[in-house]
Amino acid sequence: RDATWVTSHLRRTRQTAEAFASHAGFELAEMLVEPRLAEQGF
């Protein structure tokens, strides 16, 4: 419950983070965005 949340800059990761927070019963006050965690570019 007390963690630093980080997503890539791609919106599917933020959508997923928000879904997990909802099912875990807590709100995400802030999420860090780290573009270097994005998927491999093809």
PDB file of all heavy atoms in Angstrom:
ATOM      1  N   ARG A   1       0.815  -1.218   0.000  1.00  0.00           N
ATOM      2  CA  ARG A   1       0.000   0.000   0.000  1.00  0.00           C
ATOM      3  C   ARG A   1       0.849   1.268   0.000  1.00  0.00           C
ATOM      4  O   ARG A   1       0.398   2.319  -0.439  1.00  0.00           O
ATOM      5  CB  ARG A   1      -0.922  -0.004   1.237  1.00  0.00           C
ATOM      6  CG  ARG A   1      -1.951  -1.141   1.232  1.00  0.00           C
ATOM      7  CD  ARG A   1      -2.844  -1.066  -0.006  1.00  0.00           C
ATOM      8  NE  ARG A   1      -3.916  -2.044   0.008  1.00  0.00           N
ATOM      9  CZ  ARG A   1      -3.845  -3.250  -0.537  1.00  0.00           C
ATOM     10  NH1 ARG A   1      -2.715  -3.624  -1.143  1.00  0.00           N
ATOM     11  NH2 ARG A   1      -4.860  -4.084  -0.506  1.00  0.00           N
ATOM     12  N   ASP A   2       2.056   1.185   0.498  1.00  0.00           N
ATOM     13  CA  ASP A   2       2.918   2.362   0.582  1.00  0.00           C
ATOM     14  C   ASP A   2       4.111   2.139  -0.341  1.00  0.00           C
ATOM     15  O   ASP A   2       5.190   1.752   0.096  1.00  0.00           O
ATOM     16  CB  ASP A   2       3.382   2.577   2.024  1.00  0.00           C
ATOM     17  CG  ASP A   2       4.175   3.862   2.185  1.00  0.00           C
ATOM     18  OD1 ASP A   2       4.104   4.713   1.276  1.00  0.00           O
ATOM     19  OD2 ASP A   2       4.888   4.000   3.197  1.00  0.00           O
ATOM     20  N   ALA A   3       3.894   2.390  -1.618  1.00  0.00           N
ATOM     21  CA  ALA A   3       4.925   2.112  -2.613  1.00  0.00           C
ATOM     22  C   ALA A   3       5.048   3.282  -3.577  1.00  0.00           C
ATOM     23  O   ALA A   3       4.133   4.093  -3.731  1.00  0.00           O
ATOM     24  CB  ALA A   3       4.588   0.839  -3.390  1.00  0.00           C
ATOM     25  N   THR A   4       6.188   3.356  -4.220  1.00  0.00           N
ATOM     26  CA  THR A   4       6.385   4.280  -5.333  1.00  0.00           C
ATOM     27  C   THR A   4       5.943   3.574  -6.605  1.00  0.00           C
ATOM     28  O   THR A   4       6.447   2.501  -6.935  1.00  0.00           O
ATOM     29  CB  THR A   4       7.868   4.686  -5.444  1.00  0.00           C
ATOM     30  OG1 THR A   4       8.262   5.392  -4.265  1.00  0.00           O
ATOM     31  CG2 THR A   4       8.090   5.573  -6.659  1.00  0.00           C
ATOM     32  N   TRP A   5       4.971   4.156  -7.311  1.00  0.00           N
ATOM     33  CA  TRP A   5       4.454   3.563  -8.536  1.00  0.00           C
ATOM     34  C   TRP A   5       5.110   4.235  -9.739  1.00  0.00           C
ATOM     35  O   TRP A   5       5.214   5.464  -9.813  1.00  0.00           O
ATOM     36  CB  TRP A   5       2.947   3.723  -8.626  1.00  0.00           C
ATOM     37  CG  TRP A   5       2.190   2.746  -7.772  1.00  0.00           C
ATOM     38  CD1 TRP A   5       2.138   2.713  -6.408  1.00  0.00           C
ATOM     39  CD2 TRP A   5       1.393   1.652  -8.221  1.00  0.00           C
ATOM     40  NE1 TRP A   5       1.364   1.663  -5.981  1.00  0.00           N
ATOM     41  CE2 TRP A   5       0.889   0.993  -7.071  1.00  0.00           C
ATOM     42  CE3 TRP A   5       1.054   1.157  -9.484  1.00  0.00           C
ATOM     43  CZ2 TRP A   5       0.067  -0.126  -7.157  1.00  0.00           C
ATOM     44  CZ3 TRP A   5       0.228   0.053  -9.569  1.00  0.00           C
ATOM     45  CH2 TRP A   5      -0.260  -0.582  -8.415  1.00  0.00           C
ATOM     46  N   VAL A   6       5.539   3.413 -10.679  1.00  0.00           N
ATOM     47  CA  VAL A   6       6.216   3.901 -11.883  1.00  0.00           C
ATOM     48  C   VAL A   6       5.574   3.234 -13.091  1.00  0.00           C
ATOM     49  O   VAL A   6       5.304   2.032 -13.072  1.00  0.00           O
ATOM     50  CB  VAL A   6       7.720   3.568 -11.855  1.00  0.00           C
ATOM     51  CG1 VAL A   6       8.432   4.215 -13.045  1.00  0.00           C
ATOM     52  CG2 VAL A   6       8.365   4.001 -10.541  1.00  0.00           C
ATOM     53  N   THR A   7       5.324   4.001 -14.131  1.00  0.00           N
ATOM     54  CA  THR A   7       4.839   3.446 -15.390  1.00  0.00           C
ATOM     55  C   THR A   7       5.761   3.915 -16.516  1.00  0.00           C
ATOM     56  O   THR A   7       6.569   4.835 -16.341  1.00  0.00           O
ATOM     57  CB  THR A   7       3.400   3.893 -15.716  1.00  0.00           C
ATOM     58  OG1 THR A   7       3.407   5.298 -16.035  1.00  0.00           O
ATOM     59  CG2 THR A   7       2.462   3.616 -14.554  1.00  0.00           C
ATOM     60  N   SER A   8       5.638   3.283 -17.670  1.00  0.00           N
ATOM     61  CA  SER A   8       6.279   3.852 -18.851  1.00  0.00           C
ATOM     62  C   SER A   8       5.429   5.038 -19.313  1.00  0.00           C
ATOM     63  O   SER A   8       4.398   5.356 -18.718  1.00  0.00           O
ATOM     64  CB  SER A   8       6.409   2.799 -19.959  1.00  0.00           C
ATOM     65  OG  SER A   8       5.164   2.607 -20.625  1.00  0.00           O
ATOM     66  N   HIS A   9       5.836   5.674 -20.391  1.00  0.00           N
ATOM     67  CA  HIS A   9       5.060   6.809 -20.905  1.00  0.00           C
ATOM     68  C   HIS A   9       3.899   6.358 -21.780  1.00  0.00           C
ATOM     69  O   HIS A   9       3.111   7.199 -22.244  1.00  0.00           O
ATOM     70  CB  HIS A   9       5.962   7.742 -21.705  1.00  0.00           C
ATOM     71  CG  HIS A   9       6.495   7.147 -22.969  1.00  0.00           C
ATOM     72  ND1 HIS A   9       7.401   6.110 -22.972  1.00  0.00           N
ATOM     73  CD2 HIS A   9       6.238   7.425 -24.283  1.00  0.00           C
ATOM     74  CE1 HIS A   9       7.689   5.775 -24.217  1.00  0.00           C
ATOM     75  NE2 HIS A   9       6.993   6.560 -25.032  1.00  0.00           N
ATOM     76  N   LEU A  10       3.774   5.059 -22.016  1.00  0.00           N
ATOM     77  CA  LEU A  10       2.700   4.545 -22.866  1.00  0.00           C
ATOM     78  C   LEU A  10       1.439   4.346 -22.038  1.00  0.00           C
ATOM     79  O   LEU A  10       1.484   3.771 -20.945  1.00  0.00           O
ATOM     80  CB  LEU A  10       3.136   3.234 -23.524  1.00  0.00           C
ATOM     81  CG  LEU A  10       4.411   3.371 -24.377  1.00  0.00           C
ATOM     82  CD1 LEU A  10       4.851   2.020 -24.911  1.00  0.00           C
ATOM     83  CD2 LEU A  10       4.190   4.361 -25.520  1.00  0.00           C
ATOM     84  N   ARG A  11       0.306   4.798 -22.548  1.00  0.00           N
ATOM     85  CA  ARG A  11      -0.894   4.911 -21.729  1.00  0.00           C
ATOM     86  C   ARG A  11      -1.419   3.565 -21.243  1.00  0.00           C
ATOM     87  O   ARG A  11      -2.126   3.502 -20.243  1.00  0.00           O
ATOM     88  CB  ARG A  11      -1.991   5.685 -22.453  1.00  0.00           C
ATOM     89  CG  ARG A  11      -2.505   5.083 -23.739  1.00  0.00           C
ATOM     90  CD  ARG A  11      -3.620   5.955 -24.323  1.00  0.00           C
ATOM     91  NE  ARG A  11      -4.097   5.479 -25.605  1.00  0.00           N
ATOM     92  CZ  ARG A  11      -3.642   5.889 -26.783  1.00  0.00           C
ATOM     93  NH1 ARG A  11      -2.663   6.785 -26.823  1.00  0.00           N
ATOM     94  NH2 ARG A  11      -4.141   5.412 -27.908  1.00  0.00           N
ATOM     95  N   ARG A  12      -1.094   2.470 -21.927  1.00  0.00           N
ATOM     96  CA  ARG A  12      -1.601   1.179 -21.458  1.00  0.00           C
ATOM     97  C   ARG A  12      -1.044   0.818 -20.083  1.00  0.00           C
ATOM     98  O   ARG A  12      -1.680   0.082 -19.336  1.00  0.00           O
ATOM     99  CB  ARG A  12      -1.306   0.074 -22.474  1.00  0.00           C
ATOM    100  CG  ARG A  12       0.153  -0.145 -22.847  1.00  0.00           C
ATOM    101  CD  ARG A  12       0.211  -1.146 -24.005  1.00  0.00           C
ATOM    102  NE  ARG A  12       1.552  -1.489 -24.471  1.00  0.00           N
ATOM    103  CZ  ARG A  12       2.193  -0.864 -25.452  1.00  0.00           C
ATOM    104  NH1 ARG A  12       1.634   0.183 -26.043  1.00  0.00           N
ATOM    105  NH2 ARG A  12       3.385  -1.272 -25.850  1.00  0.00           N
ATOM    106  N   THR A  13       0.123   1.342 -19.728  1.00  0.00           N
ATOM    107  CA  THR A  13       0.660   1.045 -18.396  1.00  0.00           C
ATOM    108  C   THR A  13      -0.072   1.856 -17.325  1.00  0.00           C
ATOM    109  O   THR A  13      -0.340   1.344 -16.236  1.00  0.00           O
ATOM    110  CB  THR A  13       2.169   1.315 -18.326  1.00  0.00           C
ATOM    111  OG1 THR A  13       2.447   2.686 -18.653  1.00  0.00           O
ATOM    112  CG2 THR A  13       2.916   0.408 -19.291  1.00  0.00           C
ATOM    113  N   ARG A  14      -0.412   3.093 -17.632  1.00  0.00           N
ATOM    114  CA  ARG A  14      -1.171   3.888 -16.657  1.00  0.00           C
ATOM    115  C   ARG A  14      -2.581   3.317 -16.480  1.00  0.00           C
ATOM    116  O   ARG A  14      -3.088   3.227 -15.360  1.00  0.00           O
ATOM    117  CB  ARG A  14      -1.249   5.357 -17.085  1.00  0.00           C
ATOM    118  CG  ARG A  14      -1.981   6.217 -16.050  1.00  0.00           C
ATOM    119  CD  ARG A  14      -2.019   7.680 -16.405  1.00  0.00           C
ATOM    120  NE  ARG A  14      -2.656   8.424 -15.329  1.00  0.00           N
ATOM    121  CZ  ARG A  14      -2.032   8.922 -14.286  1.00  0.00           C
ATOM    122  NH1 ARG A  14      -0.727   8.750 -14.149  1.00  0.00           N
ATOM    123  NH2 ARG A  14      -2.686   9.587 -13.350  1.00  0.00           N
ATOM    124  N   GLN A  15      -3.216   2.936 -17.579  1.00  0.00           N
ATOM    125  CA  GLN A  15      -4.544   2.327 -17.485  1.00  0.00           C
ATOM    126  C   GLN A  15      -4.502   1.084 -16.592  1.00  0.00           C
ATOM    127  O   GLN A  15      -5.402   0.864 -15.766  1.00  0.00           O
ATOM    128  CB  GLN A  15      -5.038   1.958 -18.887  1.00  0.00           C
ATOM    129  CG  GLN A  15      -5.349   3.151 -19.769  1.00  0.00           C
ATOM    130  CD  GLN A  15      -5.509   2.774 -21.233  1.00  0.00           C
ATOM    131  OE1 GLN A  15      -5.155   1.662 -21.653  1.00  0.00           O
ATOM    132  NE2 GLN A  15      -6.036   3.703 -22.035  1.00  0.00           N
ATOM    133  N   THR A  16      -3.471   0.280 -16.749  1.00  0.00           N
ATOM    134  CA  THR A  16      -3.341  -0.938 -15.947  1.00  0.00           C
ATOM    135  C   THR A  16      -3.064  -0.612 -14.488  1.00  0.00           C
ATOM    136  O   THR A  16      -3.646  -1.233 -13.584  1.00  0.00           O
ATOM    137  CB  THR A  16      -2.215  -1.822 -16.513  1.00  0.00           C
ATOM    138  OG1 THR A  16      -2.513  -2.134 -17.885  1.00  0.00           O
ATOM    139  CG2 THR A  16      -2.072  -3.105 -15.719  1.00  0.00           C
ATOM    140  N   ALA A  17      -2.207   0.357 -14.224  1.00  0.00           N
ATOM    141  CA  ALA A  17      -1.917   0.747 -12.844  1.00  0.00           C
ATOM    142  C   ALA A  17      -3.188   1.214 -12.139  1.00  0.00           C
ATOM    143  O   ALA A  17      -3.443   0.848 -10.983  1.00  0.00           O
ATOM    144  CB  ALA A  17      -0.860   1.852 -12.816  1.00  0.00           C
ATOM    145  N   GLU A  18      -3.984   2.005 -12.820  1.00  0.00           N
ATOM    146  CA  GLU A  18      -5.224   2.494 -12.217  1.00  0.00           C
ATOM    147  C   GLU A  18      -6.195   1.346 -11.946  1.00  0.00           C
ATOM    148  O   GLU A  18      -6.897   1.333 -10.920  1.00  0.00           O
ATOM    149  CB  GLU A  18      -5.857   3.542 -13.132  1.00  0.00           C
ATOM    150  CG  GLU A  18      -5.053   4.844 -13.183  1.00  0.00           C
ATOM    151  CD  GLU A  18      -5.551   5.808 -14.246  1.00  0.00           C
ATOM    152  OE1 GLU A  18      -6.327   5.355 -15.131  1.00  0.00           O
ATOM    153  OE2 GLU A  18      -5.163   6.986 -14.206  1.00  0.00           O
ATOM    154  N   ALA A  19      -6.228   0.357 -12.832  1.00  0.00           N
ATOM    155  CA  ALA A  19      -7.106  -0.802 -12.631  1.00  0.00           C
ATOM    156  C   ALA A  19      -6.648  -1.614 -11.425  1.00  0.00           C
ATOM    157  O   ALA A  19      -7.462  -2.048 -10.606  1.00  0.00           O
ATOM    158  CB  ALA A  19      -7.130  -1.668 -13.887  1.00  0.00           C
ATOM    159  N   PHE A  20      -5.355  -1.828 -11.276  1.00  0.00           N
ATOM    160  CA  PHE A  20      -4.852  -2.574 -10.123  1.00  0.00           C
ATOM    161  C   PHE A  20      -5.134  -1.830  -8.824  1.00  0.00           C
ATOM    162  O   PHE A  20      -5.537  -2.428  -7.823  1.00  0.00           O
ATOM    163  CB  PHE A  20      -3.351  -2.837 -10.263  1.00  0.00           C
ATOM    164  CG  PHE A  20      -3.035  -4.109 -10.965  1.00  0.00           C
ATOM    165  CD1 PHE A  20      -2.531  -4.099 -12.251  1.00  0.00           C
ATOM    166  CD2 PHE A  20      -3.247  -5.341 -10.349  1.00  0.00           C
ATOM    167  CE1 PHE A  20      -2.236  -5.282 -12.911  1.00  0.00           C
ATOM    168  CE2 PHE A  20      -2.963  -6.526 -11.005  1.00  0.00           C
ATOM    169  CZ  PHE A  20      -2.454  -6.498 -12.288  1.00  0.00           C
ATOM    170  N   ALA A  21      -4.935  -0.524  -8.815  1.00  0.00           N
ATOM    171  CA  ALA A  21      -5.209   0.256  -7.609  1.00  0.00           C
ATOM    172  C   ALA A  21      -6.677   0.166  -7.236  1.00  0.00           C
ATOM    173  O   ALA A  21      -7.035   0.048  -6.059  1.00  0.00           O
ATOM    174  CB  ALA A  21      -4.791   1.709  -7.817  1.00  0.00           C
ATOM    175  N   SER A  22      -7.552   0.205  -8.229  1.00  0.00           N
ATOM    176  CA  SER A  22      -8.978   0.108  -7.967  1.00  0.00           C
ATOM    177  C   SER A  22      -9.332  -1.232  -7.333  1.00  0.00           C
ATOM    178  O   SER A  22     -10.092  -1.292  -6.353  1.00  0.00           O
ATOM    179  CB  SER A  22      -9.750   0.296  -9.281  1.00  0.00           C
ATOM    180  OG  SER A  22     -11.131   0.087  -9.095  1.00  0.00           O
ATOM    181  N   HIS A  23      -8.777  -2.316  -7.859  1.00  0.00           N
ATOM    182  CA  HIS A  23      -9.082  -3.643  -7.322  1.00  0.00           C
ATOM    183  C   HIS A  23      -8.411  -3.877  -5.971  1.00  0.00           C
ATOM    184  O   HIS A  23      -8.882  -4.697  -5.179  1.00  0.00           O
ATOM    185  CB  HIS A  23      -8.678  -4.713  -8.318  1.00  0.00           C
ATOM    186  CG  HIS A  23      -9.594  -4.808  -9.498  1.00  0.00           C
ATOM    187  ND1 HIS A  23     -10.839  -5.408  -9.435  1.00  0.00           N
ATOM    188  CD2 HIS A  23      -9.474  -4.342 -10.767  1.00  0.00           C
ATOM    189  CE1 HIS A  23     -11.426  -5.326 -10.611  1.00  0.00           C
ATOM    190  NE2 HIS A  23     -10.629  -4.684 -11.435  1.00  0.00           N
ATOM    191  N   ALA A  24      -7.311  -3.167  -5.713  1.00  0.00           N
ATOM    192  CA  ALA A  24      -6.646  -3.288  -4.412  1.00  0.00           C
ATOM    193  C   ALA A  24      -7.266  -2.367  -3.368  1.00  0.00           C
ATOM    194  O   ALA A  24      -6.949  -2.457  -2.188  1.00  0.00           O
ATOM    195  CB  ALA A  24      -5.157  -2.972  -4.547  1.00  0.00           C
ATOM    196  N   GLY A  25      -8.138  -1.453  -3.791  1.00  0.00           N
ATOM    197  CA  GLY A  25      -8.858  -0.606  -2.849  1.00  0.00           C
ATOM    198  C   GLY A  25      -8.102   0.601  -2.366  1.00  0.00           C
ATOM    199  O   GLY A  25      -8.307   1.052  -1.240  1.00  0.00           O
ATOM    200  N   PHE A  26      -7.223   1.165  -3.204  1.00  0.00           N
ATOM    201  CA  PHE A  26      -6.558   2.395  -2.789  1.00  0.00           C
ATOM    202  C   PHE A  26      -6.391   3.307  -3.994  1.00  0.00           C
ATOM    203  O   PHE A  26      -6.466   2.878  -5.143  1.00  0.00           O
ATOM    204  CB  PHE A  26      -5.202   2.125  -2.125  1.00  0.00           C
ATOM    205  CG  PHE A  26      -4.199   1.415  -2.998  1.00  0.00           C
ATOM    206  CD1 PHE A  26      -3.367   2.114  -3.851  1.00  0.00           C
ATOM    207  CD2 PHE A  26      -4.079   0.036  -2.933  1.00  0.00           C
ATOM    208  CE1 PHE A  26      -2.441   1.464  -4.635  1.00  0.00           C
ATOM    209  CE2 PHE A  26      -3.155  -0.629  -3.712  1.00  0.00           C
ATOM    210  CZ  PHE A  26      -2.334   0.090  -4.572  1.00  0.00           C
ATOM    211  N   GLU A  27      -6.175   4.595  -3.718  1.00  0.00           N
ATOM    212  CA  GLU A  27      -6.002   5.569  -4.777  1.00  0.00           C
ATOM    213  C   GLU A  27      -4.523   5.831  -5.013  1.00  0.00           C
ATOM    214  O   GLU A  27      -3.719   5.808  -4.088  1.00  0.00           O
ATOM    215  CB  GLU A  27      -6.701   6.894  -4.414  1.00  0.00           C
ATOM    216  CG  GLU A  27      -8.216   6.788  -4.331  1.00  0.00           C
ATOM    217  CD  GLU A  27      -8.862   8.134  -4.076  1.00  0.00           C
ATOM    218  OE1 GLU A  27      -8.124   9.146  -4.050  1.00  0.00           O
ATOM    219  OE2 GLU A  27     -10.094   8.182  -3.904  1.00  0.00           O
ATOM    220  N   LEU A  28      -4.187   6.078  -6.254  1.00  0.00           N
ATOM    221  CA  LEU A  28      -2.824   6.428  -6.604  1.00  0.00           C
ATOM    222  C   LEU A  28      -2.697   7.950  -6.622  1.00  0.00           C
ATOM    223  O   LEU A  28      -3.222   8.608  -7.517  1.00  0.00           O
ATOM    224  CB  LEU A  28      -2.457   5.851  -7.967  1.00  0.00           C
ATOM    225  CG  LEU A  28      -2.349   4.327  -8.056  1.00  0.00           C
ATOM    226  CD1 LEU A  28      -2.105   3.907  -9.496  1.00  0.00           C
ATOM    227  CD2 LEU A  28      -1.248   3.808  -7.149  1.00  0.00           C
ATOM    228  N   ALA A  29      -2.009   8.480  -5.624  1.00  0.00           N
ATOM    229  CA  ALA A  29      -1.865   9.924  -5.553  1.00  0.00           C
ATOM    230  C   ALA A  29      -0.948  10.434  -6.656  1.00  0.00           C
ATOM    231  O   ALA A  29      -1.152  11.500  -7.215  1.00  0.00           O
ATOM    232  CB  ALA A  29      -1.308  10.320  -4.183  1.00  0.00           C
ATOM    233  N   GLU A  30       0.068   9.643  -6.973  1.00  0.00           N
ATOM    234  CA  GLU A  30       1.048  10.086  -7.964  1.00  0.00           C
ATOM    235  C   GLU A  30       1.707   8.861  -8.572  1.00  0.00           C
ATOM    236  O   GLU A  30       1.952   7.861  -7.912  1.00  0.00           O
ATOM    237  CB  GLU A  30       2.114  10.974  -7.312  1.00  0.00           C
ATOM    238  CG  GLU A  30       3.165  11.493  -8.265  1.00  0.00           C
ATOM    239  CD  GLU A  30       4.216  12.345  -7.572  1.00  0.00           C
ATOM    240  OE1 GLU A  30       4.160  12.454  -6.332  1.00  0.00           O
ATOM    241  OE2 GLU A  30       5.090  12.874  -8.282  1.00  0.00           O
ATOM    242  N   MET A  31       1.986   8.947  -9.870  1.00  0.00           N
ATOM    243  CA  MET A  31       2.754   7.911 -10.540  1.00  0.00           C
ATOM    244  C   MET A  31       3.916   8.567 -11.278  1.00  0.00           C
ATOM    245  O   MET A  31       3.726   9.569 -11.973  1.00  0.00           O
ATOM    246  CB  MET A  31       1.890   7.130 -11.519  1.00  0.00           C
ATOM    247  CG  MET A  31       0.979   6.106 -10.872  1.00  0.00           C
ATOM    248  SD  MET A  31       0.106   5.082 -12.086  1.00  0.00           S
ATOM    249  CE  MET A  31      -1.221   6.201 -12.563  1.00  0.00           C
ATOM    250  N   LEU A  32       5.086   8.004 -11.105  1.00  0.00           N
ATOM    251  CA  LEU A  32       6.237   8.476 -11.860  1.00  0.00           C
ATOM    252  C   LEU A  32       6.178   7.901 -13.266  1.00  0.00           C
ATOM    253  O   LEU A  32       5.762   6.768 -13.470  1.00  0.00           O
ATOM    254  CB  LEU A  32       7.532   8.035 -11.177  1.00  0.00           C
ATOM    255  CG  LEU A  32       7.731   8.475  -9.727  1.00  0.00           C
ATOM    256  CD1 LEU A  32       9.072   7.949  -9.206  1.00  0.00           C
ATOM    257  CD2 LEU A  32       7.680   9.995  -9.611  1.00  0.00           C
ATOM    258  N   VAL A  33       6.594   8.684 -14.232  1.00  0.00           N
ATOM    259  CA  VAL A  33       6.631   8.237 -15.622  1.00  0.00           C
ATOM    260  C   VAL A  33       8.091   8.098 -16.034  1.00  0.00           C
ATOM    261  O   VAL A  33       8.863   9.062 -15.960  1.00  0.00           O
ATOM    262  CB  VAL A  33       5.902   9.229 -16.551  1.00  0.00           C
ATOM    263  CG1 VAL A  33       6.043   8.789 -18.009  1.00  0.00           C
ATOM    264  CG2 VAL A  33       4.430   9.341 -16.154  1.00  0.00           C
ATOM    265  N   GLU A  34       8.458   6.888 -16.442  1.00  0.00           N
ATOM    266  CA  GLU A  34       9.829   6.604 -16.843  1.00  0.00           C
ATOM    267  C   GLU A  34       9.815   6.041 -18.263  1.00  0.00           C
ATOM    268  O   GLU A  34       9.559   4.849 -18.476  1.00  0.00           O
ATOM    269  CB  GLU A  34      10.470   5.607 -15.867  1.00  0.00           C
ATOM    270  CG  GLU A  34      11.867   5.142 -16.229  1.00  0.00           C
ATOM    271  CD  GLU A  34      12.792   6.279 -16.599  1.00  0.00           C
ATOM    272  OE1 GLU A  34      13.282   6.973 -15.698  1.00  0.00           O
ATOM    273  OE2 GLU A  34      13.012   6.470 -17.823  1.00  0.00           O
ATOM    274  N   PRO A  35      10.101   6.883 -19.274  1.00  0.00           N
ATOM    275  CA  PRO A  35      10.044   6.426 -20.666  1.00  0.00           C
ATOM    276  C   PRO A  35      10.996   5.273 -20.976  1.00  0.00           C
ATOM    277  O   PRO A  35      10.751   4.501 -21.916  1.00  0.00           O
ATOM    278  CB  PRO A  35      10.414   7.681 -21.467  1.00  0.00           C
ATOM    279  CG  PRO A  35      10.044   8.818 -20.570  1.00  0.00           C
ATOM    280  CD  PRO A  35      10.343   8.328 -19.175  1.00  0.00           C
ATOM    281  N   ARG A  36      12.084   5.142 -20.206  1.00  0.00           N
ATOM    282  CA  ARG A  36      13.038   4.056 -20.480  1.00  0.00           C
ATOM    283  C   ARG A  36      12.481   2.676 -20.136  1.00  0.00           C
ATOM    284  O   ARG A  36      13.094   1.657 -20.472  1.00  0.00           O
ATOM    285  CB  ARG A  36      14.343   4.310 -19.721  1.00  0.00           C
ATOM    286  CG  ARG A  36      15.148   5.482 -20.264  1.00  0.00           C
ATOM    287  CD  ARG A  36      16.341   5.802 -19.396  1.00  0.00           C
ATOM    288  NE  ARG A  36      15.920   6.284 -18.075  1.00  0.00           N
ATOM    289  CZ  ARG A  36      16.771   6.674 -17.117  1.00  0.00           C
ATOM    290  NH1 ARG A  36      18.084   6.612 -17.335  1.00  0.00           N
ATOM    291  NH2 ARG A  36      16.312   7.111 -15.960  1.00  0.00           N
ATOM    292  N   LEU A  37      11.311   2.624 -19.499  1.00  0.00           N
ATOM    293  CA  LEU A  37      10.663   1.351 -19.209  1.00  0.00           C
ATOM    294  C   LEU A  37       9.665   0.959 -20.300  1.00  0.00           C
ATOM    295  O   LEU A  37       8.912   0.003 -20.137  1.00  0.00           O
ATOM    296  CB  LEU A  37       9.949   1.406 -17.855  1.00  0.00           C
ATOM    297  CG  LEU A  37      10.843   1.607 -16.636  1.00  0.00           C
ATOM    298  CD1 LEU A  37      10.016   1.549 -15.358  1.00  0.00           C
ATOM    299  CD2 LEU A  37      11.971   0.581 -16.575  1.00  0.00           C
ATOM    300  N   ALA A  38       9.656   1.672 -21.415  1.00  0.00           N
ATOM    301  CA  ALA A  38       8.747   1.343 -22.512  1.00  0.00           C
ATOM    302  C   ALA A  38       9.137   0.020 -23.163  1.00  0.00           C
ATOM    303  O   ALA A  38      10.241  -0.500 -22.978  1.00  0.00           O
ATOM    304  CB  ALA A  38       8.741   2.455 -23.557  1.00  0.00           C
ATOM    305  N   GLU A  39       8.213  -0.518 -23.946  1.00  0.00           N
ATOM    306  CA  GLU A  39       8.454  -1.755 -24.680  1.00  0.00           C
ATOM    307  C   GLU A  39       9.527  -1.548 -25.745  1.00  0.00           C
ATOM    308  O   GLU A  39       9.839  -0.419 -26.138  1.00  0.00           O
ATOM    309  CB  GLU A  39       7.134  -2.227 -25.314  1.00  0.00           C
ATOM    310  CG  GLU A  39       7.205  -3.555 -26.061  1.00  0.00           C
ATOM    311  CD  GLU A  39       7.665  -4.710 -25.193  1.00  0.00           C
ATOM    312  OE1 GLU A  39       8.901  -4.811 -24.969  1.00  0.00           O
ATOM    313  OE2 GLU A  39       6.818  -5.511 -24.747  1.00  0.00           O
ATOM    314  N   GLN A  40      10.102  -2.642 -26.201  1.00  0.00           N
ATOM    315  CA  GLN A  40      11.077  -2.596 -27.284  1.00  0.00           C
ATOM    316  C   GLN A  40      10.464  -1.952 -28.511  1.00  0.00           C
ATOM    317  O   GLN A  40       9.324  -2.233 -28.886  1.00  0.00           O
ATOM    318  CB  GLN A  40      11.535  -4.016 -27.610  1.00  0.00           C
ATOM    319  CG  GLN A  40      12.583  -4.109 -28.705  1.00  0.00           C
ATOM    320  CD  GLN A  40      13.020  -5.546 -28.954  1.00  0.00           C
ATOM    321  OE1 GLN A  40      12.701  -6.442 -28.171  1.00  0.00           O
ATOM    322  NE2 GLN A  40      13.736  -5.781 -30.042  1.00  0.00           N
ATOM    323  N   GLY A  41      11.214  -1.077 -29.145  1.00  0.00           N
ATOM    324  CA  GLY A  41      10.747  -0.437 -30.366  1.00  0.00           C
ATOM    325  C   GLY A  41      11.109  -1.272 -31.590  1.00  0.00           C
ATOM    326  O   GLY A  41      12.284  -1.597 -31.791  1.00  0.00           O
ATOM    327  N   PHE A  42      10.103  -1.608 -32.388  1.00  0.00           N
ATOM    328  CA  PHE A  42      10.334  -2.422 -33.579  1.00  0.00           C
ATOM    329  C   PHE A  42      10.369  -1.602 -34.863  1.00  0.00           C
ATOM    330  O   PHE A  42      10.325  -2.152 -35.965  1.00  0.00           O
ATOM    331  CB  PHE A  42       9.278  -3.524 -33.674  1.00  0.00           C
ATOM    332  CG  PHE A  42       9.413  -4.555 -32.588  1.00  0.00           C
ATOM    333  CD1 PHE A  42       8.622  -4.501 -31.452  1.00  0.00           C
ATOM    334  CD2 PHE A  42      10.344  -5.566 -32.697  1.00  0.00           C
ATOM    335  CE1 PHE A  42       8.749  -5.438 -30.439  1.00  0.00           C
ATOM    336  CE2 PHE A  42      10.483  -6.519 -31.696  1.00  0.00           C
ATOM    337  CZ  PHE A  42       9.687  -6.457 -30.564  1.00  0.00           C
TER     338      PHE A  42
END
